[in-house]
Amino acid sequence: MIIKLEFDIDLMRGPFIARTEINTTLFPTVDGSEFAVSGTATSGTWTYTPGPGDPVITAFSVKGGPAFSLFLNTGDMNSGTWSTPVECGPPGRPQPCGLSHIVFYDTALPPPPPPPAVPEPTSLALFGAGLAGLAALARRRRAS
C-alpha cells in the first residue's frame, strides 16, 4: 500500500478526504499532495502527480458499503475513474453505496539496501599484516 484516502461525503460537494494514511516506511517521498480525487458519493476520477522518487501506481481499490472494487493496470497509472462496487438501500429500492475509501498500491518491491562498503585501507592493512606475518615466519624457519 502506498496511501489510503478515507472519505466523508458532503451531498453538495461530493466526497472529500477526511483522513490520509501513508506508508512512509516504504515510500518516504509521498506526502499525499500528489493525489486529487473528485466526483460524487458513488463515482468519480482521481489524478496522481508523482514527484522525484515517488512510486508507480499499478492498482487501486475502492470501498463502498460492504465490498471492494479492484482496478489493475500493467503499466503506469497516473489517473483513472472509480465507482463504488455494490448497491445499498432497502429491498426493492437499491441505490449505490457511498464511497468509504480508496487505496493505491505499488506492486513492485522496494529496492534492496546497498551492501555495506568495505573500507579499502583496512582491507589492505590486513592483507599487508598477513604478508608480514608470513615473511617473519619464513625468516624464523631459515634461522633455525
N, C-alpha and C. Protein backbone atom coordinates (compact mmCIF):
# COMPACT_ATOMS: atom_id res chain seq x y z
N MET A 1 0.83 -1.18 0.00
CA MET A 1 0.00 0.00 0.00
C MET A 1 0.88 1.24 0.00
N ILE A 2 0.54 2.16 -0.88
CA ILE A 2 1.21 3.45 -0.90
C ILE A 2 0.47 4.41 0.03
N ILE A 3 -0.84 4.56 -0.22
CA ILE A 3 -1.63 5.52 0.54
C ILE A 3 -3.09 5.07 0.59
N LYS A 4 -3.74 5.38 1.70
CA LYS A 4 -5.17 5.11 1.86
C LYS A 4 -5.84 6.45 2.13
N LEU A 5 -6.82 6.79 1.28
CA LEU A 5 -7.58 8.02 1.43
C LEU A 5 -8.97 7.67 1.92
N GLU A 6 -9.31 8.10 3.13
CA GLU A 6 -10.65 7.86 3.67
C GLU A 6 -11.51 9.10 3.44
N PHE A 7 -12.78 8.87 3.11
CA PHE A 7 -13.64 9.97 2.70
C PHE A 7 -14.86 10.14 3.61
N ASP A 8 -15.31 11.38 3.68
CA ASP A 8 -16.63 11.72 4.16
C ASP A 8 -17.36 12.24 2.94
N ILE A 9 -18.66 12.11 2.95
CA ILE A 9 -19.45 12.54 1.79
C ILE A 9 -20.27 13.77 2.18
N ASP A 10 -20.13 14.82 1.40
CA ASP A 10 -20.95 16.02 1.54
C ASP A 10 -21.88 16.01 0.33
N LEU A 11 -23.17 15.95 0.55
CA LEU A 11 -24.11 15.81 -0.57
C LEU A 11 -24.03 16.96 -1.55
N MET A 12 -23.60 18.12 -1.10
CA MET A 12 -23.49 19.26 -2.00
C MET A 12 -22.15 19.27 -2.75
N ARG A 13 -21.07 18.87 -2.07
CA ARG A 13 -19.73 18.94 -2.66
C ARG A 13 -19.23 17.60 -3.16
N GLY A 14 -19.83 16.50 -2.76
CA GLY A 14 -19.32 15.18 -3.11
C GLY A 14 -18.35 14.70 -2.06
N PRO A 15 -17.48 13.75 -2.42
CA PRO A 15 -16.55 13.20 -1.43
C PRO A 15 -15.42 14.18 -1.13
N PHE A 16 -14.98 14.20 0.11
CA PHE A 16 -13.78 14.95 0.45
C PHE A 16 -12.94 14.10 1.39
N ILE A 17 -11.64 14.26 1.28
CA ILE A 17 -10.71 13.44 2.06
C ILE A 17 -10.80 13.85 3.53
N ALA A 18 -11.12 12.87 4.36
CA ALA A 18 -11.24 13.13 5.79
C ALA A 18 -9.99 12.69 6.55
N ARG A 19 -9.32 11.65 6.05
CA ARG A 19 -8.14 11.13 6.73
C ARG A 19 -7.24 10.47 5.70
N THR A 20 -5.93 10.59 5.90
CA THR A 20 -4.95 10.00 4.99
C THR A 20 -4.00 9.13 5.78
N GLU A 21 -3.74 7.94 5.27
CA GLU A 21 -2.76 7.02 5.87
C GLU A 21 -1.72 6.70 4.81
N ILE A 22 -0.46 7.08 5.06
CA ILE A 22 0.62 6.90 4.08
C ILE A 22 1.62 5.88 4.62
N ASN A 23 2.08 5.00 3.75
CA ASN A 23 3.12 4.04 4.11
C ASN A 23 4.48 4.72 3.94
N THR A 24 4.85 5.51 4.96
CA THR A 24 6.09 6.28 4.87
C THR A 24 7.33 5.41 5.01
N THR A 25 7.17 4.20 5.53
CA THR A 25 8.32 3.31 5.65
C THR A 25 8.84 2.91 4.27
N LEU A 26 7.94 2.52 3.38
CA LEU A 26 8.36 2.12 2.02
C LEU A 26 8.42 3.29 1.05
N PHE A 27 7.61 4.32 1.31
CA PHE A 27 7.50 5.43 0.35
C PHE A 27 7.67 6.77 1.08
N PRO A 28 8.87 7.09 1.52
CA PRO A 28 9.07 8.31 2.31
C PRO A 28 8.86 9.61 1.53
N THR A 29 8.85 9.56 0.20
CA THR A 29 8.69 10.79 -0.58
C THR A 29 7.23 11.17 -0.77
N VAL A 30 6.29 10.27 -0.46
CA VAL A 30 4.86 10.55 -0.64
C VAL A 30 4.35 11.33 0.56
N ASP A 31 3.66 12.46 0.30
CA ASP A 31 3.08 13.24 1.39
C ASP A 31 1.57 13.43 1.26
N GLY A 32 0.98 12.89 0.19
CA GLY A 32 -0.47 12.98 0.00
C GLY A 32 -0.86 14.06 -0.99
N SER A 33 -0.04 15.08 -1.16
CA SER A 33 -0.37 16.16 -2.08
C SER A 33 -0.34 15.71 -3.54
N GLU A 34 0.20 14.54 -3.79
CA GLU A 34 0.29 14.02 -5.17
C GLU A 34 -1.07 13.54 -5.69
N PHE A 35 -2.06 13.38 -4.81
CA PHE A 35 -3.34 12.79 -5.17
C PHE A 35 -4.47 13.83 -5.15
N ALA A 36 -5.33 13.76 -6.16
CA ALA A 36 -6.54 14.59 -6.21
C ALA A 36 -7.69 13.68 -6.59
N VAL A 37 -8.81 13.81 -5.88
CA VAL A 37 -9.99 12.98 -6.12
C VAL A 37 -11.19 13.90 -6.25
N SER A 38 -12.06 13.60 -7.23
CA SER A 38 -13.28 14.38 -7.39
C SER A 38 -14.40 13.45 -7.84
N GLY A 39 -15.63 13.91 -7.69
CA GLY A 39 -16.77 13.12 -8.13
C GLY A 39 -17.93 13.24 -7.17
N THR A 40 -18.78 12.23 -7.23
CA THR A 40 -19.95 12.17 -6.37
C THR A 40 -19.70 11.14 -5.28
N ALA A 41 -20.73 10.78 -4.55
CA ALA A 41 -20.59 9.78 -3.49
C ALA A 41 -20.40 8.38 -4.04
N THR A 42 -20.65 8.17 -5.34
CA THR A 42 -20.60 6.82 -5.89
C THR A 42 -19.66 6.64 -7.08
N SER A 43 -19.15 7.71 -7.68
CA SER A 43 -18.22 7.58 -8.80
C SER A 43 -17.46 8.88 -8.98
N GLY A 44 -16.35 8.79 -9.68
CA GLY A 44 -15.56 9.98 -9.91
C GLY A 44 -14.24 9.68 -10.57
N THR A 45 -13.32 10.62 -10.45
CA THR A 45 -12.00 10.49 -11.06
C THR A 45 -10.93 10.78 -10.01
N TRP A 46 -9.72 10.33 -10.32
CA TRP A 46 -8.57 10.63 -9.47
C TRP A 46 -7.39 10.93 -10.36
N THR A 47 -6.45 11.69 -9.82
CA THR A 47 -5.22 12.06 -10.53
C THR A 47 -4.05 11.92 -9.57
N TYR A 48 -2.96 11.40 -10.09
CA TYR A 48 -1.72 11.23 -9.32
C TYR A 48 -0.62 11.96 -10.07
N THR A 49 0.03 12.89 -9.39
CA THR A 49 1.14 13.64 -9.97
C THR A 49 2.39 13.30 -9.16
N PRO A 50 3.13 12.26 -9.58
CA PRO A 50 4.29 11.84 -8.80
C PRO A 50 5.45 12.83 -8.90
N GLY A 51 6.17 12.93 -7.81
CA GLY A 51 7.39 13.73 -7.78
C GLY A 51 8.60 12.82 -7.90
N PRO A 52 9.80 13.38 -7.83
CA PRO A 52 11.01 12.56 -7.90
C PRO A 52 11.04 11.53 -6.76
N GLY A 53 11.29 10.29 -7.11
CA GLY A 53 11.37 9.23 -6.11
C GLY A 53 10.04 8.64 -5.70
N ASP A 54 8.92 9.17 -6.20
CA ASP A 54 7.62 8.63 -5.83
C ASP A 54 7.36 7.31 -6.56
N PRO A 55 6.56 6.42 -5.96
CA PRO A 55 6.32 5.10 -6.57
C PRO A 55 5.37 5.17 -7.75
N VAL A 56 5.28 4.05 -8.45
CA VAL A 56 4.37 3.88 -9.58
C VAL A 56 3.11 3.19 -9.07
N ILE A 57 1.96 3.69 -9.45
CA ILE A 57 0.70 3.06 -9.06
C ILE A 57 0.37 1.99 -10.08
N THR A 58 0.17 0.76 -9.61
CA THR A 58 -0.19 -0.33 -10.51
C THR A 58 -1.57 -0.90 -10.22
N ALA A 59 -2.17 -0.50 -9.10
CA ALA A 59 -3.52 -0.96 -8.77
C ALA A 59 -4.12 -0.02 -7.74
N PHE A 60 -5.47 -0.01 -7.68
CA PHE A 60 -6.14 0.71 -6.61
C PHE A 60 -7.47 0.02 -6.32
N SER A 61 -7.92 0.16 -5.08
CA SER A 61 -9.19 -0.44 -4.70
C SER A 61 -10.10 0.65 -4.14
N VAL A 62 -11.40 0.45 -4.34
CA VAL A 62 -12.42 1.39 -3.89
C VAL A 62 -13.40 0.63 -3.01
N LYS A 63 -13.67 1.16 -1.81
CA LYS A 63 -14.63 0.51 -0.91
C LYS A 63 -15.88 1.36 -0.80
N GLY A 64 -17.00 0.72 -0.98
CA GLY A 64 -18.31 1.34 -0.80
C GLY A 64 -19.24 0.29 -0.23
N GLY A 65 -19.85 0.56 0.89
CA GLY A 65 -20.68 -0.45 1.53
C GLY A 65 -19.82 -1.59 2.02
N PRO A 66 -20.30 -2.83 1.90
CA PRO A 66 -19.55 -3.97 2.43
C PRO A 66 -18.56 -4.61 1.45
N ALA A 67 -18.33 -4.01 0.29
CA ALA A 67 -17.48 -4.67 -0.72
C ALA A 67 -16.47 -3.70 -1.31
N PHE A 68 -15.55 -4.26 -2.09
CA PHE A 68 -14.49 -3.51 -2.74
C PHE A 68 -14.55 -3.72 -4.24
N SER A 69 -14.08 -2.74 -4.98
CA SER A 69 -13.78 -2.90 -6.41
C SER A 69 -12.28 -2.76 -6.54
N LEU A 70 -11.66 -3.64 -7.33
CA LEU A 70 -10.22 -3.60 -7.54
C LEU A 70 -9.95 -3.26 -8.99
N PHE A 71 -9.07 -2.28 -9.22
CA PHE A 71 -8.71 -1.84 -10.55
C PHE A 71 -7.23 -2.09 -10.73
N LEU A 72 -6.85 -2.85 -11.77
CA LEU A 72 -5.46 -3.20 -12.04
C LEU A 72 -4.99 -2.59 -13.35
N ASN A 73 -3.69 -2.39 -13.46
CA ASN A 73 -3.10 -1.90 -14.69
C ASN A 73 -1.70 -2.48 -14.77
N THR A 74 -1.29 -2.90 -15.95
CA THR A 74 0.04 -3.47 -16.09
C THR A 74 1.10 -2.40 -16.34
N GLY A 75 0.69 -1.18 -16.66
CA GLY A 75 1.63 -0.09 -16.87
C GLY A 75 1.51 0.94 -15.77
N ASP A 76 2.07 2.10 -16.03
CA ASP A 76 1.96 3.20 -15.08
C ASP A 76 0.53 3.73 -15.07
N MET A 77 0.08 4.11 -13.90
CA MET A 77 -1.27 4.59 -13.74
C MET A 77 -1.20 5.95 -13.04
N ASN A 78 -1.53 7.04 -13.75
CA ASN A 78 -1.47 8.37 -13.15
C ASN A 78 -2.83 9.05 -13.06
N SER A 79 -3.86 8.41 -13.58
CA SER A 79 -5.22 8.93 -13.43
C SER A 79 -6.19 7.81 -13.75
N GLY A 80 -7.42 7.99 -13.34
CA GLY A 80 -8.41 6.97 -13.62
C GLY A 80 -9.77 7.35 -13.10
N THR A 81 -10.71 6.47 -13.35
CA THR A 81 -12.06 6.67 -12.83
C THR A 81 -12.33 5.60 -11.79
N TRP A 82 -13.24 5.88 -10.88
CA TRP A 82 -13.60 4.93 -9.85
C TRP A 82 -15.11 4.93 -9.69
N SER A 83 -15.62 3.82 -9.19
CA SER A 83 -17.04 3.73 -8.85
C SER A 83 -17.17 2.75 -7.68
N THR A 84 -18.16 2.99 -6.85
CA THR A 84 -18.36 2.09 -5.72
C THR A 84 -18.95 0.78 -6.23
N PRO A 85 -18.67 -0.33 -5.55
CA PRO A 85 -18.93 -1.64 -6.13
C PRO A 85 -20.32 -2.24 -5.95
N VAL A 86 -21.05 -1.85 -4.95
CA VAL A 86 -22.28 -2.57 -4.64
C VAL A 86 -23.45 -1.62 -4.46
N GLU A 87 -24.61 -2.22 -4.32
CA GLU A 87 -25.81 -1.41 -4.09
C GLU A 87 -26.28 -1.56 -2.66
N CYS A 88 -26.70 -0.47 -2.08
CA CYS A 88 -27.25 -0.45 -0.74
C CYS A 88 -28.71 0.00 -0.84
N GLY A 89 -29.34 0.11 0.28
CA GLY A 89 -30.71 0.60 0.30
C GLY A 89 -31.69 -0.50 0.65
N PRO A 90 -32.93 -0.14 0.84
CA PRO A 90 -33.94 -1.13 1.23
C PRO A 90 -34.26 -2.07 0.07
N PRO A 91 -34.76 -3.26 0.37
CA PRO A 91 -35.15 -4.20 -0.70
C PRO A 91 -36.16 -3.55 -1.65
N GLY A 92 -35.94 -3.76 -2.91
CA GLY A 92 -36.81 -3.19 -3.92
C GLY A 92 -36.45 -1.77 -4.31
N ARG A 93 -35.61 -1.12 -3.53
CA ARG A 93 -35.19 0.25 -3.84
C ARG A 93 -33.66 0.38 -3.71
N PRO A 94 -32.90 -0.42 -4.47
CA PRO A 94 -31.44 -0.37 -4.33
C PRO A 94 -30.88 0.96 -4.83
N GLN A 95 -29.79 1.36 -4.22
CA GLN A 95 -29.06 2.54 -4.65
C GLN A 95 -27.57 2.28 -4.41
N PRO A 96 -26.70 2.95 -5.14
CA PRO A 96 -25.27 2.71 -4.95
C PRO A 96 -24.83 3.12 -3.54
N CYS A 97 -23.83 2.40 -3.02
CA CYS A 97 -23.27 2.72 -1.72
C CYS A 97 -22.32 3.90 -1.83
N GLY A 98 -22.23 4.67 -0.77
CA GLY A 98 -21.32 5.80 -0.75
C GLY A 98 -19.87 5.37 -0.58
N LEU A 99 -18.96 6.18 -1.09
CA LEU A 99 -17.53 5.92 -1.04
C LEU A 99 -17.03 5.94 0.41
N SER A 100 -16.28 4.93 0.77
CA SER A 100 -15.65 4.87 2.09
C SER A 100 -14.18 5.26 1.99
N HIS A 101 -13.42 4.54 1.14
CA HIS A 101 -12.02 4.87 0.96
C HIS A 101 -11.47 4.30 -0.34
N ILE A 102 -10.35 4.90 -0.77
CA ILE A 102 -9.60 4.44 -1.94
C ILE A 102 -8.17 4.16 -1.47
N VAL A 103 -7.64 3.00 -1.88
CA VAL A 103 -6.27 2.63 -1.52
C VAL A 103 -5.48 2.43 -2.81
N PHE A 104 -4.31 3.06 -2.88
CA PHE A 104 -3.43 2.95 -4.05
C PHE A 104 -2.25 2.04 -3.72
N TYR A 105 -1.87 1.20 -4.68
CA TYR A 105 -0.82 0.19 -4.46
C TYR A 105 0.29 0.31 -5.50
N ASP A 106 1.47 -0.09 -5.09
CA ASP A 106 2.62 -0.28 -5.97
C ASP A 106 3.05 -1.73 -5.76
N THR A 107 2.97 -2.55 -6.79
CA THR A 107 3.28 -3.97 -6.62
C THR A 107 4.76 -4.26 -6.68
N ALA A 108 5.55 -3.28 -7.08
CA ALA A 108 6.99 -3.51 -7.14
C ALA A 108 7.57 -3.50 -5.72
N LEU A 109 8.54 -4.35 -5.52
CA LEU A 109 9.22 -4.37 -4.23
C LEU A 109 10.20 -3.22 -4.16
N PRO A 110 10.39 -2.66 -2.96
CA PRO A 110 11.37 -1.58 -2.86
C PRO A 110 12.77 -2.12 -3.14
N PRO A 111 13.65 -1.30 -3.65
CA PRO A 111 15.00 -1.79 -3.94
C PRO A 111 15.71 -2.18 -2.66
N PRO A 112 16.53 -3.23 -2.72
CA PRO A 112 17.25 -3.63 -1.51
C PRO A 112 18.28 -2.57 -1.14
N PRO A 113 18.62 -2.49 0.14
CA PRO A 113 19.63 -1.50 0.53
C PRO A 113 20.99 -1.90 -0.05
N PRO A 114 21.84 -0.92 -0.32
CA PRO A 114 23.15 -1.25 -0.88
C PRO A 114 23.99 -2.00 0.15
N PRO A 115 24.87 -2.89 -0.32
CA PRO A 115 25.72 -3.62 0.63
C PRO A 115 26.65 -2.65 1.34
N PRO A 116 27.02 -2.98 2.57
CA PRO A 116 27.92 -2.08 3.29
C PRO A 116 29.28 -2.01 2.59
N ALA A 117 29.82 -0.82 2.56
CA ALA A 117 31.11 -0.62 1.90
C ALA A 117 32.24 -1.13 2.81
N VAL A 118 33.21 -1.78 2.21
CA VAL A 118 34.39 -2.25 2.94
C VAL A 118 35.48 -1.22 2.70
N PRO A 119 35.96 -0.58 3.74
CA PRO A 119 36.99 0.43 3.55
C PRO A 119 38.27 -0.20 2.97
N GLU A 120 38.76 0.32 1.90
CA GLU A 120 39.94 -0.22 1.24
C GLU A 120 41.18 -0.15 2.12
N PRO A 121 41.48 0.94 2.81
CA PRO A 121 42.70 0.97 3.62
C PRO A 121 42.73 -0.14 4.67
N THR A 122 41.59 -0.46 5.27
CA THR A 122 41.55 -1.51 6.29
C THR A 122 41.86 -2.86 5.68
N SER A 123 41.25 -3.17 4.53
CA SER A 123 41.49 -4.48 3.93
C SER A 123 42.95 -4.60 3.45
N LEU A 124 43.51 -3.50 2.93
CA LEU A 124 44.91 -3.54 2.51
C LEU A 124 45.84 -3.70 3.72
N ALA A 125 45.51 -3.04 4.84
CA ALA A 125 46.33 -3.16 6.05
C ALA A 125 46.30 -4.59 6.57
N LEU A 126 45.11 -5.22 6.56
CA LEU A 126 45.01 -6.62 6.99
C LEU A 126 45.81 -7.54 6.08
N PHE A 127 45.72 -7.32 4.78
CA PHE A 127 46.47 -8.13 3.83
C PHE A 127 47.98 -7.96 4.04
N GLY A 128 48.42 -6.69 4.24
CA GLY A 128 49.84 -6.42 4.48
C GLY A 128 50.32 -7.05 5.77
N ALA A 129 49.50 -7.01 6.84
CA ALA A 129 49.88 -7.63 8.11
C ALA A 129 50.02 -9.13 7.95
N GLY A 130 49.14 -9.74 7.15
CA GLY A 130 49.24 -11.17 6.89
C GLY A 130 50.52 -11.52 6.15
N LEU A 131 50.87 -10.73 5.14
CA LEU A 131 52.11 -10.97 4.40
C LEU A 131 53.34 -10.79 5.30
N ALA A 132 53.31 -9.76 6.16
CA ALA A 132 54.43 -9.53 7.08
C ALA A 132 54.57 -10.71 8.04
N GLY A 133 53.45 -11.24 8.51
CA GLY A 133 53.48 -12.40 9.40
C GLY A 133 54.06 -13.61 8.71
N LEU A 134 53.69 -13.85 7.45
CA LEU A 134 54.24 -14.98 6.70
C LEU A 134 55.74 -14.81 6.45
N ALA A 135 56.16 -13.58 6.16
CA ALA A 135 57.59 -13.31 5.95
C ALA A 135 58.37 -13.55 7.23
N ALA A 136 57.84 -13.11 8.38
CA ALA A 136 58.51 -13.33 9.67
C ALA A 136 58.60 -14.81 9.98
N LEU A 137 57.55 -15.56 9.69
CA LEU A 137 57.54 -17.00 9.92
C LEU A 137 58.59 -17.68 9.03
N ALA A 138 58.69 -17.28 7.78
CA ALA A 138 59.67 -17.87 6.85
C ALA A 138 61.10 -17.55 7.30
N ARG A 139 61.33 -16.32 7.78
CA ARG A 139 62.65 -15.91 8.26
C ARG A 139 63.04 -16.72 9.51
N ARG A 140 62.09 -16.96 10.37
CA ARG A 140 62.35 -17.75 11.60
C ARG A 140 62.74 -19.17 11.25
N ARG A 141 62.06 -19.74 10.27
CA ARG A 141 62.37 -21.13 9.88
C ARG A 141 63.77 -21.23 9.28
N ARG A 142 64.19 -20.22 8.52
CA ARG A 142 65.53 -20.22 7.92
C ARG A 142 66.61 -20.07 9.00
N ALA A 143 66.34 -19.30 10.02
CA ALA A 143 67.33 -19.06 11.07
C ALA A 143 67.53 -20.30 11.92
N SER A 144 66.53 -21.16 12.01
CA SER A 144 66.72 -22.32 12.88
C SER A 144 67.33 -23.50 12.21
